Amino acid sequence: NDILKPIIKSMKDKADKKNISIDLHVAEN
């Protein structure tokens, strides 16, 4: 919640512009 989620959210536009998917998978909450 403090590190990975905010980074993935901030990078989504860059991924979308290249038409590539970006996903986060976390084994535990």
PDB file of all heavy atoms in Angstrom:
ATOM      1  N   ASN A   1       0.798  -1.230   0.000  1.00  0.00           N
ATOM      2  CA  ASN A   1       0.000   0.000   0.000  1.00  0.00           C
ATOM      3  C   ASN A   1       0.829   1.278   0.000  1.00  0.00           C
ATOM      4  O   ASN A   1       0.414   2.291  -0.563  1.00  0.00           O
ATOM      5  CB  ASN A   1      -0.947   0.004   1.202  1.00  0.00           C
ATOM      6  CG  ASN A   1      -2.014  -1.075   1.102  1.00  0.00           C
ATOM      7  OD1 ASN A   1      -2.651  -1.221   0.066  1.00  0.00           O
ATOM      8  ND2 ASN A   1      -2.199  -1.845   2.156  1.00  0.00           N
ATOM      9  N   ASP A   2       2.002   1.240   0.642  1.00  0.00           N
ATOM     10  CA  ASP A   2       2.812   2.455   0.756  1.00  0.00           C
ATOM     11  C   ASP A   2       3.768   2.649  -0.412  1.00  0.00           C
ATOM     12  O   ASP A   2       4.165   3.792  -0.703  1.00  0.00           O
ATOM     13  CB  ASP A   2       3.630   2.433   2.061  1.00  0.00           C
ATOM     14  CG  ASP A   2       2.755   2.456   3.302  1.00  0.00           C
ATOM     15  OD1 ASP A   2       1.618   2.946   3.200  1.00  0.00           O
ATOM     16  OD2 ASP A   2       3.201   1.982   4.365  1.00  0.00           O
ATOM     17  N   ILE A   3       4.153   1.576  -1.083  1.00  0.00           N
ATOM     18  CA  ILE A   3       5.190   1.699  -2.112  1.00  0.00           C
ATOM     19  C   ILE A   3       4.726   1.191  -3.475  1.00  0.00           C
ATOM     20  O   ILE A   3       4.676   1.945  -4.446  1.00  0.00           O
ATOM     21  CB  ILE A   3       6.479   0.970  -1.664  1.00  0.00           C
ATOM     22  CG1 ILE A   3       7.062   1.667  -0.413  1.00  0.00           C
ATOM     23  CG2 ILE A   3       7.511   0.960  -2.796  1.00  0.00           C
ATOM     24  CD1 ILE A   3       8.291   1.013   0.154  1.00  0.00           C
ATOM     25  N   LEU A   4       4.379  -0.098  -3.573  1.00  0.00           N
ATOM     26  CA  LEU A   4       4.132  -0.683  -4.891  1.00  0.00           C
ATOM     27  C   LEU A   4       2.870  -0.148  -5.567  1.00  0.00           C
ATOM     28  O   LEU A   4       2.899   0.217  -6.747  1.00  0.00           O
ATOM     29  CB  LEU A   4       4.056  -2.213  -4.775  1.00  0.00           C
ATOM     30  CG  LEU A   4       5.369  -2.907  -4.373  1.00  0.00           C
ATOM     31  CD1 LEU A   4       5.147  -4.406  -4.241  1.00  0.00           C
ATOM     32  CD2 LEU A   4       6.479  -2.614  -5.379  1.00  0.00           C
ATOM     33  N   LYS A   5       1.753  -0.095  -4.832  1.00  0.00           N
ATOM     34  CA  LYS A   5       0.502   0.380  -5.444  1.00  0.00           C
ATOM     35  C   LYS A   5       0.622   1.803  -6.005  1.00  0.00           C
ATOM     36  O   LYS A   5       0.209   2.056  -7.146  1.00  0.00           O
ATOM     37  CB  LYS A   5      -0.644   0.308  -4.430  1.00  0.00           C
ATOM     38  CG  LYS A   5      -1.389  -1.015  -4.427  1.00  0.00           C
ATOM     39  CD  LYS A   5      -2.612  -0.931  -3.513  1.00  0.00           C
ATOM     40  CE  LYS A   5      -3.384  -2.242  -3.527  1.00  0.00           C
ATOM     41  NZ  LYS A   5      -4.548  -2.174  -2.598  1.00  0.00           N
ATOM     42  N   PRO A   6       1.171   2.762  -5.216  1.00  0.00           N
ATOM     43  CA  PRO A   6       1.307   4.122  -5.772  1.00  0.00           C
ATOM     44  C   PRO A   6       2.197   4.180  -7.008  1.00  0.00           C
ATOM     45  O   PRO A   6       1.913   4.941  -7.943  1.00  0.00           O
ATOM     46  CB  PRO A   6       1.923   4.910  -4.606  1.00  0.00           C
ATOM     47  CG  PRO A   6       1.538   4.158  -3.377  1.00  0.00           C
ATOM     48  CD  PRO A   6       1.542   2.713  -3.793  1.00  0.00           C
ATOM     49  N   ILE A   7       3.269   3.375  -7.047  1.00  0.00           N
ATOM     50  CA  ILE A   7       4.157   3.390  -8.210  1.00  0.00           C
ATOM     51  C   ILE A   7       3.436   2.830  -9.431  1.00  0.00           C
ATOM     52  O   ILE A   7       3.499   3.409 -10.523  1.00  0.00           O
ATOM     53  CB  ILE A   7       5.449   2.594  -7.927  1.00  0.00           C
ATOM     54  CG1 ILE A   7       6.293   3.319  -6.875  1.00  0.00           C
ATOM     55  CG2 ILE A   7       6.264   2.416  -9.210  1.00  0.00           C
ATOM     56  CD1 ILE A   7       7.503   2.536  -6.409  1.00  0.00           C
ATOM     57  N   ILE A   8       2.754   1.701  -9.259  1.00  0.00           N
ATOM     58  CA  ILE A   8       2.017   1.105 -10.378  1.00  0.00           C
ATOM     59  C   ILE A   8       0.978   2.091 -10.914  1.00  0.00           C
ATOM     60  O   ILE A   8       0.821   2.255 -12.140  1.00  0.00           O
ATOM     61  CB  ILE A   8       1.329  -0.208  -9.950  1.00  0.00           C
ATOM     62  CG1 ILE A   8       2.357  -1.269  -9.557  1.00  0.00           C
ATOM     63  CG2 ILE A   8       0.408  -0.729 -11.058  1.00  0.00           C
ATOM     64  CD1 ILE A   8       3.244  -1.734 -10.679  1.00  0.00           C
ATOM     65  N   LYS A   9       0.292   2.768 -10.022  1.00  0.00           N
ATOM     66  CA  LYS A   9      -0.722   3.740 -10.432  1.00  0.00           C
ATOM     67  C   LYS A   9      -0.086   4.879 -11.230  1.00  0.00           C
ATOM     68  O   LYS A   9      -0.627   5.308 -12.258  1.00  0.00           O
ATOM     69  CB  LYS A   9      -1.438   4.295  -9.194  1.00  0.00           C
ATOM     70  CG  LYS A   9      -2.595   5.218  -9.518  1.00  0.00           C
ATOM     71  CD  LYS A   9      -3.308   5.668  -8.246  1.00  0.00           C
ATOM     72  CE  LYS A   9      -4.481   6.587  -8.578  1.00  0.00           C
ATOM     73  NZ  LYS A   9      -5.185   7.042  -7.350  1.00  0.00           N
ATOM     74  N   SER A  10       1.076   5.359 -10.776  1.00  0.00           N
ATOM     75  CA  SER A  10       1.734   6.475 -11.455  1.00  0.00           C
ATOM     76  C   SER A  10       2.314   6.065 -12.807  1.00  0.00           C
ATOM     77  O   SER A  10       2.510   6.896 -13.686  1.00  0.00           O
ATOM     78  CB  SER A  10       2.846   7.054 -10.566  1.00  0.00           C
ATOM     79  OG  SER A  10       3.940   6.163 -10.472  1.00  0.00           O
ATOM     80  N   MET A  11       2.593   4.774 -12.988  1.00  0.00           N
ATOM     81  CA  MET A  11       3.205   4.291 -14.229  1.00  0.00           C
ATOM     82  C   MET A  11       2.173   3.827 -15.261  1.00  0.00           C
ATOM     83  O   MET A  11       2.526   3.520 -16.397  1.00  0.00           O
ATOM     84  CB  MET A  11       4.143   3.111 -13.923  1.00  0.00           C
ATOM     85  CG  MET A  11       5.337   3.460 -13.069  1.00  0.00           C
ATOM     86  SD  MET A  11       6.586   4.352 -14.001  1.00  0.00           S
ATOM     87  CE  MET A  11       7.786   4.669 -12.696  1.00  0.00           C
ATOM     88  N   LYS A  12       0.916   3.785 -14.868  1.00  0.00           N
ATOM     89  CA  LYS A  12      -0.097   3.206 -15.757  1.00  0.00           C
ATOM     90  C   LYS A  12      -0.228   3.968 -17.073  1.00  0.00           C
ATOM     91  O   LYS A  12      -0.386   3.365 -18.140  1.00  0.00           O
ATOM     92  CB  LYS A  12      -1.455   3.145 -15.049  1.00  0.00           C
ATOM     93  CG  LYS A  12      -2.448   2.248 -15.782  1.00  0.00           C
ATOM     94  CD  LYS A  12      -3.721   2.061 -14.995  1.00  0.00           C
ATOM     95  CE  LYS A  12      -4.647   1.074 -15.687  1.00  0.00           C
ATOM     96  NZ  LYS A  12      -4.851   1.337 -17.125  1.00  0.00           N
ATOM     97  N   ASP A  13      -0.140   5.297 -17.020  1.00  0.00           N
ATOM     98  CA  ASP A  13      -0.249   6.086 -18.247  1.00  0.00           C
ATOM     99  C   ASP A  13       0.858   5.737 -19.239  1.00  0.00           C
ATOM    100  O   ASP A  13       0.625   5.635 -20.442  1.00  0.00           O
ATOM    101  CB  ASP A  13      -0.205   7.584 -17.931  1.00  0.00           C
ATOM    102  CG  ASP A  13      -1.543   8.104 -17.424  1.00  0.00           C
ATOM    103  OD1 ASP A  13      -2.536   7.357 -17.549  1.00  0.00           O
ATOM    104  OD2 ASP A  13      -1.594   9.223 -16.905  1.00  0.00           O
ATOM    105  N   LYS A  14       2.089   5.561 -18.712  1.00  0.00           N
ATOM    106  CA  LYS A  14       3.212   5.209 -19.594  1.00  0.00           C
ATOM    107  C   LYS A  14       2.975   3.861 -20.253  1.00  0.00           C
ATOM    108  O   LYS A  14       3.258   3.685 -21.440  1.00  0.00           O
ATOM    109  CB  LYS A  14       4.519   5.176 -18.795  1.00  0.00           C
ATOM    110  CG  LYS A  14       5.017   6.542 -18.367  1.00  0.00           C
ATOM    111  CD  LYS A  14       6.369   6.446 -17.674  1.00  0.00           C
ATOM    112  CE  LYS A  14       6.854   7.842 -17.299  1.00  0.00           C
ATOM    113  NZ  LYS A  14       8.179   7.809 -16.635  1.00  0.00           N
ATOM    114  N   ALA A  15       2.477   2.911 -19.475  1.00  0.00           N
ATOM    115  CA  ALA A  15       2.192   1.588 -20.034  1.00  0.00           C
ATOM    116  C   ALA A  15       1.060   1.664 -21.061  1.00  0.00           C
ATOM    117  O   ALA A  15       1.142   1.049 -22.133  1.00  0.00           O
ATOM    118  CB  ALA A  15       1.839   0.616 -18.922  1.00  0.00           C
ATOM    119  N   ASP A  16       0.013   2.424 -20.739  1.00  0.00           N
ATOM    120  CA  ASP A  16      -1.129   2.545 -21.651  1.00  0.00           C
ATOM    121  C   ASP A  16      -0.717   3.151 -22.991  1.00  0.00           C
ATOM    122  O   ASP A  16      -1.205   2.737 -24.049  1.00  0.00           O
ATOM    123  CB  ASP A  16      -2.229   3.405 -21.019  1.00  0.00           C
ATOM    124  CG  ASP A  16      -2.957   2.683 -19.898  1.00  0.00           C
ATOM    125  OD1 ASP A  16      -2.805   1.452 -19.784  1.00  0.00           O
ATOM    126  OD2 ASP A  16      -3.666   3.359 -19.127  1.00  0.00           O
ATOM    127  N   LYS A  17       0.198   4.128 -22.947  1.00  0.00           N
ATOM    128  CA  LYS A  17       0.637   4.776 -24.185  1.00  0.00           C
ATOM    129  C   LYS A  17       1.370   3.802 -25.099  1.00  0.00           C
ATOM    130  O   LYS A  17       1.417   3.997 -26.314  1.00  0.00           O
ATOM    131  CB  LYS A  17       1.531   5.972 -23.862  1.00  0.00           C
ATOM    132  CG  LYS A  17       0.761   7.189 -23.354  1.00  0.00           C
ATOM    133  CD  LYS A  17       1.693   8.325 -22.988  1.00  0.00           C
ATOM    134  CE  LYS A  17       0.901   9.512 -22.445  1.00  0.00           C
ATOM    135  NZ  LYS A  17       1.797  10.618 -22.000  1.00  0.00           N
ATOM    136  N   LYS A  18       1.954   2.758 -24.508  1.00  0.00           N
ATOM    137  CA  LYS A  18       2.662   1.756 -25.309  1.00  0.00           C
ATOM    138  C   LYS A  18       1.795   0.513 -25.573  1.00  0.00           C
ATOM    139  O   LYS A  18       2.262  -0.461 -26.158  1.00  0.00           O
ATOM    140  CB  LYS A  18       3.950   1.334 -24.590  1.00  0.00           C
ATOM    141  CG  LYS A  18       4.947   2.459 -24.410  1.00  0.00           C
ATOM    142  CD  LYS A  18       6.245   1.954 -23.801  1.00  0.00           C
ATOM    143  CE  LYS A  18       7.021   1.107 -24.790  1.00  0.00           C
ATOM    144  NZ  LYS A  18       8.349   0.724 -24.270  1.00  0.00           N
ATOM    145  N   ASN A  19       0.548   0.577 -25.093  1.00  0.00           N
ATOM    146  CA  ASN A  19      -0.387  -0.549 -25.245  1.00  0.00           C
ATOM    147  C   ASN A  19       0.147  -1.834 -24.617  1.00  0.00           C
ATOM    148  O   ASN A  19      -0.027  -2.930 -25.165  1.00  0.00           O
ATOM    149  CB  ASN A  19      -0.709  -0.784 -26.728  1.00  0.00           C
ATOM    150  CG  ASN A  19      -1.538   0.329 -27.319  1.00  0.00           C
ATOM    151  OD1 ASN A  19      -2.462   0.827 -26.696  1.00  0.00           O
ATOM    152  ND2 ASN A  19      -1.189   0.743 -28.530  1.00  0.00           N
ATOM    153  N   ILE A  20       0.819  -1.684 -23.475  1.00  0.00           N
ATOM    154  CA  ILE A  20       1.239  -2.867 -22.727  1.00  0.00           C
ATOM    155  C   ILE A  20       0.506  -2.879 -21.387  1.00  0.00           C
ATOM    156  O   ILE A  20       0.168  -1.831 -20.838  1.00  0.00           O
ATOM    157  CB  ILE A  20       2.770  -2.919 -22.521  1.00  0.00           C
ATOM    158  CG1 ILE A  20       3.251  -1.734 -21.679  1.00  0.00           C
ATOM    159  CG2 ILE A  20       3.507  -2.952 -23.853  1.00  0.00           C
ATOM    160  CD1 ILE A  20       4.731  -1.811 -21.330  1.00  0.00           C
ATOM    161  N   SER A  21       0.258  -4.066 -20.882  1.00  0.00           N
ATOM    162  CA  SER A  21      -0.449  -4.176 -19.606  1.00  0.00           C
ATOM    163  C   SER A  21       0.561  -4.119 -18.460  1.00  0.00           C
ATOM    164  O   SER A  21       1.716  -4.532 -18.594  1.00  0.00           O
ATOM    165  CB  SER A  21      -1.230  -5.485 -19.545  1.00  0.00           C
ATOM    166  OG  SER A  21      -0.346  -6.598 -19.596  1.00  0.00           O
ATOM    167  N   ILE A  22       0.118  -3.587 -17.318  1.00  0.00           N
ATOM    168  CA  ILE A  22       0.950  -3.567 -16.119  1.00  0.00           C
ATOM    169  C   ILE A  22       0.081  -4.016 -14.949  1.00  0.00           C
ATOM    170  O   ILE A  22      -1.002  -3.467 -14.713  1.00  0.00           O
ATOM    171  CB  ILE A  22       1.576  -2.174 -15.870  1.00  0.00           C
ATOM    172  CG1 ILE A  22       2.446  -2.192 -14.616  1.00  0.00           C
ATOM    173  CG2 ILE A  22       0.539  -1.069 -15.819  1.00  0.00           C
ATOM    174  CD1 ILE A  22       3.332  -0.974 -14.468  1.00  0.00           C
ATOM    175  N   ASP A  23       0.535  -5.041 -14.239  1.00  0.00           N
ATOM    176  CA  ASP A  23      -0.277  -5.643 -13.183  1.00  0.00           C
ATOM    177  C   ASP A  23       0.556  -5.845 -11.928  1.00  0.00           C
ATOM    178  O   ASP A  23       1.766  -6.096 -11.985  1.00  0.00           O
ATOM    179  CB  ASP A  23      -0.824  -6.995 -13.631  1.00  0.00           C
ATOM    180  CG  ASP A  23      -1.760  -6.859 -14.830  1.00  0.00           C
ATOM    181  OD1 ASP A  23      -2.799  -6.203 -14.685  1.00  0.00           O
ATOM    182  OD2 ASP A  23      -1.423  -7.395 -15.900  1.00  0.00           O
ATOM    183  N   LEU A  24      -0.125  -5.757 -10.791  1.00  0.00           N
ATOM    184  CA  LEU A  24       0.500  -5.996  -9.485  1.00  0.00           C
ATOM    185  C   LEU A  24      -0.178  -7.192  -8.831  1.00  0.00           C
ATOM    186  O   LEU A  24      -1.408  -7.230  -8.711  1.00  0.00           O
ATOM    187  CB  LEU A  24       0.360  -4.750  -8.598  1.00  0.00           C
ATOM    188  CG  LEU A  24       0.816  -4.884  -7.140  1.00  0.00           C
ATOM    189  CD1 LEU A  24       2.304  -5.196  -7.049  1.00  0.00           C
ATOM    190  CD2 LEU A  24       0.488  -3.600  -6.365  1.00  0.00           C
ATOM    191  N   HIS A  25       0.615  -8.170  -8.412  1.00  0.00           N
ATOM    192  CA  HIS A  25       0.097  -9.348  -7.724  1.00  0.00           C
ATOM    193  C   HIS A  25       0.799  -9.453  -6.372  1.00  0.00           C
ATOM    194  O   HIS A  25       2.026  -9.580  -6.307  1.00  0.00           O
ATOM    195  CB  HIS A  25       0.355 -10.615  -8.539  1.00  0.00           C
ATOM    196  CG  HIS A  25      -0.330 -10.613  -9.870  1.00  0.00           C
ATOM    197  ND1 HIS A  25      -1.580 -11.149 -10.063  1.00  0.00           N
ATOM    198  CD2 HIS A  25       0.042 -10.107 -11.070  1.00  0.00           C
ATOM    199  CE1 HIS A  25      -1.940 -10.993 -11.330  1.00  0.00           C
ATOM    200  NE2 HIS A  25      -0.970 -10.360 -11.959  1.00  0.00           N
ATOM    201  N   VAL A  26       0.011  -9.382  -5.308  1.00  0.00           N
ATOM    202  CA  VAL A  26       0.568  -9.445  -3.952  1.00  0.00           C
ATOM    203  C   VAL A  26      -0.042 -10.646  -3.243  1.00  0.00           C
ATOM    204  O   VAL A  26      -1.265 -10.780  -3.167  1.00  0.00           O
ATOM    205  CB  VAL A  26       0.281  -8.148  -3.169  1.00  0.00           C
ATOM    206  CG1 VAL A  26       0.853  -8.227  -1.768  1.00  0.00           C
ATOM    207  CG2 VAL A  26       0.882  -6.948  -3.902  1.00  0.00           C
ATOM    208  N   ALA A  27       0.832 -11.521  -2.726  1.00  0.00           N
ATOM    209  CA  ALA A  27       0.368 -12.780  -2.128  1.00  0.00           C
ATOM    210  C   ALA A  27      -0.430 -12.556  -0.854  1.00  0.00           C
ATOM    211  O   ALA A  27      -1.356 -13.300  -0.545  1.00  0.00           O
ATOM    212  CB  ALA A  27       1.556 -13.691  -1.850  1.00  0.00           C
ATOM    213  N   GLU A  28      -0.079 -11.527  -0.091  1.00  0.00           N
ATOM    214  CA  GLU A  28      -0.773 -11.234   1.157  1.00  0.00           C
ATOM    215  C   GLU A  28      -1.142  -9.762   1.185  1.00  0.00           C
ATOM    216  O   GLU A  28      -0.455  -8.922   0.590  1.00  0.00           O
ATOM    217  CB  GLU A  28       0.122 -11.570   2.357  1.00  0.00           C
ATOM    218  CG  GLU A  28       0.556 -13.030   2.408  1.00  0.00           C
ATOM    219  CD  GLU A  28       1.523 -13.293   3.563  1.00  0.00           C
ATOM    220  OE1 GLU A  28       1.453 -12.568   4.561  1.00  0.00           O
ATOM    221  OE2 GLU A  28       2.337 -14.213   3.434  1.00  0.00           O
ATOM    222  N   ASN A  29      -2.210  -9.435   1.904  1.00  0.00           N
ATOM    223  CA  ASN A  29      -2.667  -8.046   1.954  1.00  0.00           C
ATOM    224  C   ASN A  29      -1.641  -7.122   2.590  1.00  0.00           C
ATOM    225  O   ASN A  29      -1.457  -5.988   2.179  1.00  0.00           O
ATOM    226  CB  ASN A  29      -3.993  -7.940   2.714  1.00  0.00           C
ATOM    227  CG  ASN A  29      -5.150  -8.482   1.902  1.00  0.00           C
ATOM    228  OD1 ASN A  29      -5.107  -8.449   0.681  1.00  0.00           O
ATOM    229  ND2 ASN A  29      -6.161  -8.994   2.579  1.00  0.00           N
TER     230      ASN A  29
END
